């Protein structure tokens, strides 16, 4: 009976956290709709968009880009709130030391996501545009783009890369909880490489150079995650040894 009550408590707590996240997303989406026009005009003034005419080839192109921009802003605003609610949900199952040790994962995850978005927008996106533009010019093609093509390409790049940049912090968190180890990560390296290559091909334009520009950072992130996992495991074992000596 006690176990059944505990399950009900957990489900009630989960519902509470999901409601808070949902409300935060709705409010964030409202903020996104309010400032999406300013963000789009800001992007339009950037060097990567200087030579791109914002043509529309369908009646819904403008509103779809407006909605996608608002949605991206809503995700950015909601992300730290969602991470905090998830941490509050799992906190009762953690020891006091684990709770303190994992609290900083929330801001770290958010900043890593921003770092991924920034890297993809300021580094990868211009490189891909320049490469494809040079190819088009070399074959004498006339470049006529619509804003839908421009922003769809942009959003399809920055959001997945931002999520993938969460890999080191997720691996660190799972290592701290004992779910993964550096040894298990090394064993699954081939499978992980294959999955990351497939992901890189899916989110990049259909050309070899763009694939390489995305796949290489993904593989580097995975290897960095293994190093982070090793470092986390050593620190955890050291802390446990010190606690055992004190006892």
C-alpha atoms as a PDB file:
ATOM      1  CA  UNK A   1       0.000   0.000   0.000  1.00  0.00           C
ATOM      2  CA  UNK A   2       2.901   2.300   0.856  1.00  0.00           C
ATOM      3  CA  UNK A   3       4.513   1.598  -2.527  1.00  0.00           C
ATOM      4  CA  UNK A   4       1.251   2.375  -4.322  1.00  0.00           C
ATOM      5  CA  UNK A   5       0.976   5.693  -2.468  1.00  0.00           C
ATOM      6  CA  UNK A   6       4.564   6.522  -3.399  1.00  0.00           C
ATOM      7  CA  UNK A   7       3.808   5.872  -7.072  1.00  0.00           C
ATOM      8  CA  UNK A   8       0.802   8.202  -6.884  1.00  0.00           C
ATOM      9  CA  UNK A   9       2.970  10.849  -5.247  1.00  0.00           C
ATOM     10  CA  UNK A  10       5.547  10.566  -7.997  1.00  0.00           C
ATOM     11  CA  UNK A  11       2.899  10.839 -10.701  1.00  0.00           C
ATOM     12  CA  UNK A  12       1.401  13.895  -8.987  1.00  0.00           C
ATOM     13  CA  UNK A  13       4.822  15.504  -8.748  1.00  0.00           C
ATOM     14  CA  UNK A  14       5.536  14.695 -12.403  1.00  0.00           C
ATOM     15  CA  UNK A  15       2.238  16.249 -13.464  1.00  0.00           C
ATOM     16  CA  UNK A  16       3.057  19.369 -11.460  1.00  0.00           C
ATOM     17  CA  UNK A  17       6.441  19.743 -13.147  1.00  0.00           C
ATOM     18  CA  UNK A  18       4.958  19.154 -16.615  1.00  0.00           C
ATOM     19  CA  UNK A  19       2.254  21.764 -15.972  1.00  0.00           C
ATOM     20  CA  UNK A  20       4.887  24.326 -14.940  1.00  0.00           C
ATOM     21  CA  UNK A  21       6.974  23.556 -18.037  1.00  0.00           C
ATOM     22  CA  UNK A  22       3.901  23.785 -20.281  1.00  0.00           C
ATOM     23  CA  UNK A  23       2.845  27.134 -18.790  1.00  0.00           C
ATOM     24  CA  UNK A  24       6.398  28.443 -19.159  1.00  0.00           C
ATOM     25  CA  UNK A  25       6.409  27.354 -22.808  1.00  0.00           C
ATOM     26  CA  UNK A  26       3.067  29.052 -23.524  1.00  0.00           C
ATOM     27  CA  UNK A  27       4.253  32.318 -21.930  1.00  0.00           C
ATOM     28  CA  UNK A  28       7.594  32.044 -23.761  1.00  0.00           C
ATOM     29  CA  UNK A  29       5.787  31.450 -27.049  1.00  0.00           C
ATOM     30  CA  UNK A  30       3.799  34.633 -26.447  1.00  0.00           C
ATOM     31  CA  UNK A  31       7.057  36.502 -25.877  1.00  0.00           C
ATOM     32  CA  UNK A  32       8.450  34.900 -29.023  1.00  0.00           C
ATOM     33  CA  UNK A  33       5.513  36.109 -31.111  1.00  0.00           C
ATOM     34  CA  UNK A  34       5.946  39.603 -29.653  1.00  0.00           C
ATOM     35  CA  UNK A  35       9.637  39.958 -30.578  1.00  0.00           C
ATOM     36  CA  UNK A  36       9.945  37.600 -33.584  1.00  0.00           C
ATOM     37  CA  UNK A  37       9.728  40.481 -36.061  1.00  0.00           C
ATOM     38  CA  UNK A  38      12.643  42.273 -34.398  1.00  0.00           C
ATOM     39  CA  UNK A  39      14.726  39.101 -34.373  1.00  0.00           C
ATOM     40  CA  UNK A  40      14.033  38.435 -38.056  1.00  0.00           C
ATOM     41  CA  UNK A  41      14.973  42.013 -38.983  1.00  0.00           C
ATOM     42  CA  UNK A  42      18.168  41.648 -36.935  1.00  0.00           C
ATOM     43  CA  UNK A  43      19.066  38.452 -38.810  1.00  0.00           C
ATOM     44  CA  UNK A  44      18.300  40.191 -42.092  1.00  0.00           C
ATOM     45  CA  UNK A  45      20.962  42.833 -41.317  1.00  0.00           C
ATOM     46  CA  UNK A  46      23.686  40.229 -40.695  1.00  0.00           C
ATOM     47  CA  UNK A  47      26.440  39.630 -43.324  1.00  0.00           C
ATOM     48  CA  UNK A  48      25.151  36.130 -44.128  1.00  0.00           C
ATOM     49  CA  UNK A  49      21.840  37.588 -45.321  1.00  0.00           C
ATOM     50  CA  UNK A  50      23.267  40.653 -47.069  1.00  0.00           C
ATOM     51  CA  UNK A  51      23.084  39.140 -50.556  1.00  0.00           C
ATOM     52  CA  UNK A  52      19.857  37.219 -50.069  1.00  0.00           C
ATOM     53  CA  UNK A  53      16.624  38.750 -51.327  1.00  0.00           C
ATOM     54  CA  UNK A  54      13.739  37.846 -49.045  1.00  0.00           C
ATOM     55  CA  UNK A  55      11.434  36.571 -51.738  1.00  0.00           C
ATOM     56  CA  UNK A  56       8.311  34.623 -50.861  1.00  0.00           C
ATOM     57  CA  UNK A  57       6.995  31.976 -53.243  1.00  0.00           C
ATOM     58  CA  UNK A  58       3.849  31.132 -51.318  1.00  0.00           C
ATOM     59  CA  UNK A  59       1.240  32.938 -49.251  1.00  0.00           C
ATOM     60  CA  UNK A  60       2.198  31.028 -46.094  1.00  0.00           C
ATOM     61  CA  UNK A  61       5.997  31.486 -46.333  1.00  0.00           C
ATOM     62  CA  UNK A  62       6.089  34.638 -44.206  1.00  0.00           C
ATOM     63  CA  UNK A  63       3.839  33.385 -41.422  1.00  0.00           C
ATOM     64  CA  UNK A  64       5.596  30.003 -41.258  1.00  0.00           C
ATOM     65  CA  UNK A  65       8.987  31.676 -40.778  1.00  0.00           C
ATOM     66  CA  UNK A  66       7.452  34.031 -38.219  1.00  0.00           C
ATOM     67  CA  UNK A  67       6.058  31.028 -36.312  1.00  0.00           C
ATOM     68  CA  UNK A  68       9.348  29.076 -36.502  1.00  0.00           C
ATOM     69  CA  UNK A  69      11.272  32.067 -35.137  1.00  0.00           C
ATOM     70  CA  UNK A  70       8.805  32.462 -32.252  1.00  0.00           C
ATOM     71  CA  UNK A  71       9.025  28.723 -31.558  1.00  0.00           C
ATOM     72  CA  UNK A  72      12.833  28.813 -31.429  1.00  0.00           C
ATOM     73  CA  UNK A  73      12.755  31.750 -29.017  1.00  0.00           C
ATOM     74  CA  UNK A  74      10.202  29.899 -26.871  1.00  0.00           C
ATOM     75  CA  UNK A  75      12.488  26.863 -26.712  1.00  0.00           C
ATOM     76  CA  UNK A  76      15.454  29.011 -25.683  1.00  0.00           C
ATOM     77  CA  UNK A  77      13.462  30.708 -22.914  1.00  0.00           C
ATOM     78  CA  UNK A  78      11.792  27.512 -21.690  1.00  0.00           C
ATOM     79  CA  UNK A  79      14.942  25.362 -21.692  1.00  0.00           C
ATOM     80  CA  UNK A  80      16.457  26.528 -18.363  1.00  0.00           C
ATOM     81  CA  UNK A  81      13.036  26.385 -16.686  1.00  0.00           C
ATOM     82  CA  UNK A  82      12.456  22.850 -17.984  1.00  0.00           C
ATOM     83  CA  UNK A  83      15.903  21.734 -16.838  1.00  0.00           C
ATOM     84  CA  UNK A  84      15.265  23.168 -13.377  1.00  0.00           C
ATOM     85  CA  UNK A  85      11.905  21.397 -13.113  1.00  0.00           C
ATOM     86  CA  UNK A  86      13.454  18.098 -14.188  1.00  0.00           C
ATOM     87  CA  UNK A  87      16.152  18.529 -11.545  1.00  0.00           C
ATOM     88  CA  UNK A  88      13.532  19.262  -8.884  1.00  0.00           C
ATOM     89  CA  UNK A  89      11.684  16.088  -9.894  1.00  0.00           C
ATOM     90  CA  UNK A  90      14.748  13.822  -9.554  1.00  0.00           C
ATOM     91  CA  UNK A  91      16.182  15.655  -6.524  1.00  0.00           C
ATOM     92  CA  UNK A  92      14.279  13.592  -3.877  1.00  0.00           C
ATOM     93  CA  UNK A  93      15.944  10.450  -5.238  1.00  0.00           C
ATOM     94  CA  UNK A  94      19.444  11.933  -4.886  1.00  0.00           C
ATOM     95  CA  UNK A  95      21.623  12.143  -1.835  1.00  0.00           C
ATOM     96  CA  UNK A  96      22.485  15.575  -0.468  1.00  0.00           C
ATOM     97  CA  UNK A  97      25.948  15.425  -2.043  1.00  0.00           C
ATOM     98  CA  UNK A  98      24.509  14.334  -5.421  1.00  0.00           C
ATOM     99  CA  UNK A  99      21.901  17.108  -5.300  1.00  0.00           C
ATOM    100  CA  UNK A 100      24.569  19.736  -4.662  1.00  0.00           C
ATOM    101  CA  UNK A 101      26.870  18.244  -7.279  1.00  0.00           C
ATOM    102  CA  UNK A 102      24.235  18.229 -10.008  1.00  0.00           C
ATOM    103  CA  UNK A 103      22.650  21.663  -9.392  1.00  0.00           C
ATOM    104  CA  UNK A 104      25.194  23.421 -11.598  1.00  0.00           C
ATOM    105  CA  UNK A 105      24.258  21.167 -14.534  1.00  0.00           C
ATOM    106  CA  UNK A 106      21.245  23.406 -15.204  1.00  0.00           C
ATOM    107  CA  UNK A 107      23.098  26.616 -16.157  1.00  0.00           C
ATOM    108  CA  UNK A 108      25.851  24.558 -17.818  1.00  0.00           C
ATOM    109  CA  UNK A 109      23.313  22.793 -20.059  1.00  0.00           C
ATOM    110  CA  UNK A 110      21.710  26.087 -21.039  1.00  0.00           C
ATOM    111  CA  UNK A 111      25.021  27.745 -21.897  1.00  0.00           C
ATOM    112  CA  UNK A 112      26.153  24.693 -23.881  1.00  0.00           C
ATOM    113  CA  UNK A 113      22.953  24.889 -25.924  1.00  0.00           C
ATOM    114  CA  UNK A 114      23.598  28.580 -26.565  1.00  0.00           C
ATOM    115  CA  UNK A 115      27.191  27.747 -27.487  1.00  0.00           C
ATOM    116  CA  UNK A 116      25.955  25.187 -30.023  1.00  0.00           C
ATOM    117  CA  UNK A 117      23.470  27.638 -31.522  1.00  0.00           C
ATOM    118  CA  UNK A 118      26.133  30.369 -31.689  1.00  0.00           C
ATOM    119  CA  UNK A 119      28.729  28.033 -33.223  1.00  0.00           C
ATOM    120  CA  UNK A 120      26.327  26.786 -35.874  1.00  0.00           C
ATOM    121  CA  UNK A 121      25.087  30.299 -36.743  1.00  0.00           C
ATOM    122  CA  UNK A 122      28.350  32.264 -36.703  1.00  0.00           C
ATOM    123  CA  UNK A 123      30.748  29.551 -37.950  1.00  0.00           C
ATOM    124  CA  UNK A 124      29.068  26.632 -39.720  1.00  0.00           C
ATOM    125  CA  UNK A 125      26.181  28.499 -41.365  1.00  0.00           C
ATOM    126  CA  UNK A 126      28.349  31.150 -43.152  1.00  0.00           C
ATOM    127  CA  UNK A 127      30.836  28.487 -44.286  1.00  0.00           C
ATOM    128  CA  UNK A 128      28.069  26.391 -45.797  1.00  0.00           C
ATOM    129  CA  UNK A 129      26.433  29.379 -47.508  1.00  0.00           C
ATOM    130  CA  UNK A 130      29.760  30.514 -48.986  1.00  0.00           C
ATOM    131  CA  UNK A 131      30.597  27.022 -50.188  1.00  0.00           C
ATOM    132  CA  UNK A 132      27.241  26.473 -51.863  1.00  0.00           C
ATOM    133  CA  UNK A 133      27.233  29.979 -53.347  1.00  0.00           C
ATOM    134  CA  UNK A 134      30.688  29.402 -54.845  1.00  0.00           C
ATOM    135  CA  UNK A 135      29.512  26.117 -56.381  1.00  0.00           C
ATOM    136  CA  UNK A 136      26.446  27.814 -57.870  1.00  0.00           C
ATOM    137  CA  UNK A 137      28.553  30.624 -59.333  1.00  0.00           C
ATOM    138  CA  UNK A 138      31.096  28.186 -60.763  1.00  0.00           C
ATOM    139  CA  UNK A 139      28.395  26.466 -62.803  1.00  0.00           C
ATOM    140  CA  UNK A 140      26.822  29.768 -63.866  1.00  0.00           C
ATOM    141  CA  UNK A 141      23.613  29.327 -61.875  1.00  0.00           C
ATOM    142  CA  UNK A 142      21.465  32.321 -60.945  1.00  0.00           C
ATOM    143  CA  UNK A 143      20.802  32.356 -57.218  1.00  0.00           C
ATOM    144  CA  UNK A 144      17.200  33.232 -56.385  1.00  0.00           C
ATOM    145  CA  UNK A 145      16.273  32.272 -52.843  1.00  0.00           C
ATOM    146  CA  UNK A 146      13.132  32.717 -50.809  1.00  0.00           C
ATOM    147  CA  UNK A 147      13.099  33.584 -47.126  1.00  0.00           C
ATOM    148  CA  UNK A 148      11.505  30.198 -46.466  1.00  0.00           C
ATOM    149  CA  UNK A 149      14.511  28.367 -47.928  1.00  0.00           C
ATOM    150  CA  UNK A 150      16.949  30.620 -46.057  1.00  0.00           C
ATOM    151  CA  UNK A 151      15.357  30.256 -42.625  1.00  0.00           C
ATOM    152  CA  UNK A 152      14.442  26.589 -43.007  1.00  0.00           C
ATOM    153  CA  UNK A 153      18.087  25.881 -43.738  1.00  0.00           C
ATOM    154  CA  UNK A 154      19.129  28.043 -40.779  1.00  0.00           C
ATOM    155  CA  UNK A 155      16.704  26.527 -38.264  1.00  0.00           C
ATOM    156  CA  UNK A 156      17.383  22.962 -39.426  1.00  0.00           C
ATOM    157  CA  UNK A 157      21.038  23.577 -38.641  1.00  0.00           C
ATOM    158  CA  UNK A 158      21.151  25.608 -35.427  1.00  0.00           C
ATOM    159  CA  UNK A 159      18.566  23.659 -33.392  1.00  0.00           C
ATOM    160  CA  UNK A 160      20.032  20.135 -33.887  1.00  0.00           C
ATOM    161  CA  UNK A 161      23.594  21.400 -33.362  1.00  0.00           C
ATOM    162  CA  UNK A 162      22.504  23.221 -30.207  1.00  0.00           C
ATOM    163  CA  UNK A 163      20.976  19.986 -28.893  1.00  0.00           C
ATOM    164  CA  UNK A 164      24.046  17.923 -29.800  1.00  0.00           C
ATOM    165  CA  UNK A 165      26.256  20.356 -27.872  1.00  0.00           C
ATOM    166  CA  UNK A 166      24.442  19.086 -24.753  1.00  0.00           C
ATOM    167  CA  UNK A 167      26.232  15.752 -25.141  1.00  0.00           C
ATOM    168  CA  UNK A 168      29.148  16.386 -22.707  1.00  0.00           C
ATOM    169  CA  UNK A 169      26.921  17.608 -19.886  1.00  0.00           C
ATOM    170  CA  UNK A 170      24.438  14.743 -20.390  1.00  0.00           C
ATOM    171  CA  UNK A 171      27.274  12.202 -20.313  1.00  0.00           C
ATOM    172  CA  UNK A 172      28.693  13.823 -17.186  1.00  0.00           C
ATOM    173  CA  UNK A 173      25.309  13.709 -15.478  1.00  0.00           C
ATOM    174  CA  UNK A 174      24.741  10.043 -16.399  1.00  0.00           C
ATOM    175  CA  UNK A 175      28.262   9.163 -15.232  1.00  0.00           C
ATOM    176  CA  UNK A 176      27.674  10.903 -11.930  1.00  0.00           C
ATOM    177  CA  UNK A 177      24.518   8.815 -11.427  1.00  0.00           C
ATOM    178  CA  UNK A 178      26.384   5.633 -12.380  1.00  0.00           C
ATOM    179  CA  UNK A 179      24.296   4.960 -15.489  1.00  0.00           C
ATOM    180  CA  UNK A 180      27.228   5.132 -17.949  1.00  0.00           C
ATOM    181  CA  UNK A 181      30.975   4.695 -17.561  1.00  0.00           C
ATOM    182  CA  UNK A 182      33.973   5.646 -19.747  1.00  0.00           C
ATOM    183  CA  UNK A 183      34.445   1.942 -20.511  1.00  0.00           C
ATOM    184  CA  UNK A 184      30.868   1.544 -21.767  1.00  0.00           C
ATOM    185  CA  UNK A 185      31.228   4.672 -23.902  1.00  0.00           C
ATOM    186  CA  UNK A 186      34.394   3.314 -25.483  1.00  0.00           C
ATOM    187  CA  UNK A 187      32.673  -0.005 -26.212  1.00  0.00           C
ATOM    188  CA  UNK A 188      29.825   1.770 -28.007  1.00  0.00           C
ATOM    189  CA  UNK A 189      32.171   4.099 -29.919  1.00  0.00           C
ATOM    190  CA  UNK A 190      31.533   2.459 -33.312  1.00  0.00           C
ATOM    191  CA  UNK A 191      27.761   2.596 -32.860  1.00  0.00           C
ATOM    192  CA  UNK A 192      27.954   6.190 -31.606  1.00  0.00           C
ATOM    193  CA  UNK A 193      30.131   7.210 -34.560  1.00  0.00           C
ATOM    194  CA  UNK A 194      27.655   5.669 -36.989  1.00  0.00           C
ATOM    195  CA  UNK A 195      24.711   7.428 -35.304  1.00  0.00           C
ATOM    196  CA  UNK A 196      26.528  10.776 -35.298  1.00  0.00           C
ATOM    197  CA  UNK A 197      27.513  10.407 -38.972  1.00  0.00           C
ATOM    198  CA  UNK A 198      23.869   9.685 -39.873  1.00  0.00           C
ATOM    199  CA  UNK A 199      22.756  12.690 -37.801  1.00  0.00           C
ATOM    200  CA  UNK A 200      25.363  14.918 -39.456  1.00  0.00           C
ATOM    201  CA  UNK A 201      24.242  13.862 -42.931  1.00  0.00           C
ATOM    202  CA  UNK A 202      20.585  14.447 -42.046  1.00  0.00           C
ATOM    203  CA  UNK A 203      21.044  18.005 -40.738  1.00  0.00           C
ATOM    204  CA  UNK A 204      23.576  19.162 -43.321  1.00  0.00           C
ATOM    205  CA  UNK A 205      23.060  20.140 -46.974  1.00  0.00           C
ATOM    206  CA  UNK A 206      23.506  17.301 -49.500  1.00  0.00           C
ATOM    207  CA  UNK A 207      27.188  17.826 -50.251  1.00  0.00           C
ATOM    208  CA  UNK A 208      30.328  16.156 -48.938  1.00  0.00           C
ATOM    209  CA  UNK A 209      32.060  19.277 -47.589  1.00  0.00           C
ATOM    210  CA  UNK A 210      29.050  20.364 -45.523  1.00  0.00           C
ATOM    211  CA  UNK A 211      28.738  16.837 -44.145  1.00  0.00           C
ATOM    212  CA  UNK A 212      32.374  16.921 -43.010  1.00  0.00           C
ATOM    213  CA  UNK A 213      31.947  20.376 -41.444  1.00  0.00           C
ATOM    214  CA  UNK A 214      29.180  19.007 -39.219  1.00  0.00           C
ATOM    215  CA  UNK A 215      30.305  15.414 -38.637  1.00  0.00           C
ATOM    216  CA  UNK A 216      33.817  16.282 -37.414  1.00  0.00           C
ATOM    217  CA  UNK A 217      32.608  18.552 -34.538  1.00  0.00           C
ATOM    218  CA  UNK A 218      30.062  15.879 -33.549  1.00  0.00           C
ATOM    219  CA  UNK A 219      32.767  13.208 -33.310  1.00  0.00           C
ATOM    220  CA  UNK A 220      35.027  15.584 -31.370  1.00  0.00           C
ATOM    221  CA  UNK A 221      32.161  16.239 -28.944  1.00  0.00           C
ATOM    222  CA  UNK A 222      31.731  12.507 -28.369  1.00  0.00           C
ATOM    223  CA  UNK A 223      35.429  12.010 -27.655  1.00  0.00           C
ATOM    224  CA  UNK A 224      35.359  15.022 -25.346  1.00  0.00           C
ATOM    225  CA  UNK A 225      32.372  13.441 -23.588  1.00  0.00           C
ATOM    226  CA  UNK A 226      34.445  10.302 -22.891  1.00  0.00           C
ATOM    227  CA  UNK A 227      37.172  12.460 -21.336  1.00  0.00           C
ATOM    228  CA  UNK A 228      34.554  14.277 -19.247  1.00  0.00           C
ATOM    229  CA  UNK A 229      33.096  10.931 -18.162  1.00  0.00           C
ATOM    230  CA  UNK A 230      36.532   9.669 -17.060  1.00  0.00           C
ATOM    231  CA  UNK A 231      37.186  12.851 -15.107  1.00  0.00           C
ATOM    232  CA  UNK A 232      33.755  12.680 -13.448  1.00  0.00           C
ATOM    233  CA  UNK A 233      34.193   9.022 -12.487  1.00  0.00           C
ATOM    234  CA  UNK A 234      37.596   9.695 -10.924  1.00  0.00           C
ATOM    235  CA  UNK A 235      36.216  12.602  -8.905  1.00  0.00           C
ATOM    236  CA  UNK A 236      33.223  10.546  -7.765  1.00  0.00           C
ATOM    237  CA  UNK A 237      35.400   7.614  -6.701  1.00  0.00           C
ATOM    238  CA  UNK A 238      37.783   9.948  -4.889  1.00  0.00           C
ATOM    239  CA  UNK A 239      34.899  11.570  -3.007  1.00  0.00           C
ATOM    240  CA  UNK A 240      33.478   8.171  -2.056  1.00  0.00           C
ATOM    241  CA  UNK A 241      36.907   7.033  -0.816  1.00  0.00           C
ATOM    242  CA  UNK A 242      37.273  10.142   1.318  1.00  0.00           C
ATOM    243  CA  UNK A 243      33.809   9.610   2.789  1.00  0.00           C
ATOM    244  CA  UNK A 244      34.677   5.971   3.578  1.00  0.00           C
ATOM    245  CA  UNK A 245      37.860   7.042   5.400  1.00  0.00           C
ATOM    246  CA  UNK A 246      35.929   9.537   7.500  1.00  0.00           C
ATOM    247  CA  UNK A 247      33.510   6.827   8.546  1.00  0.00           C
END
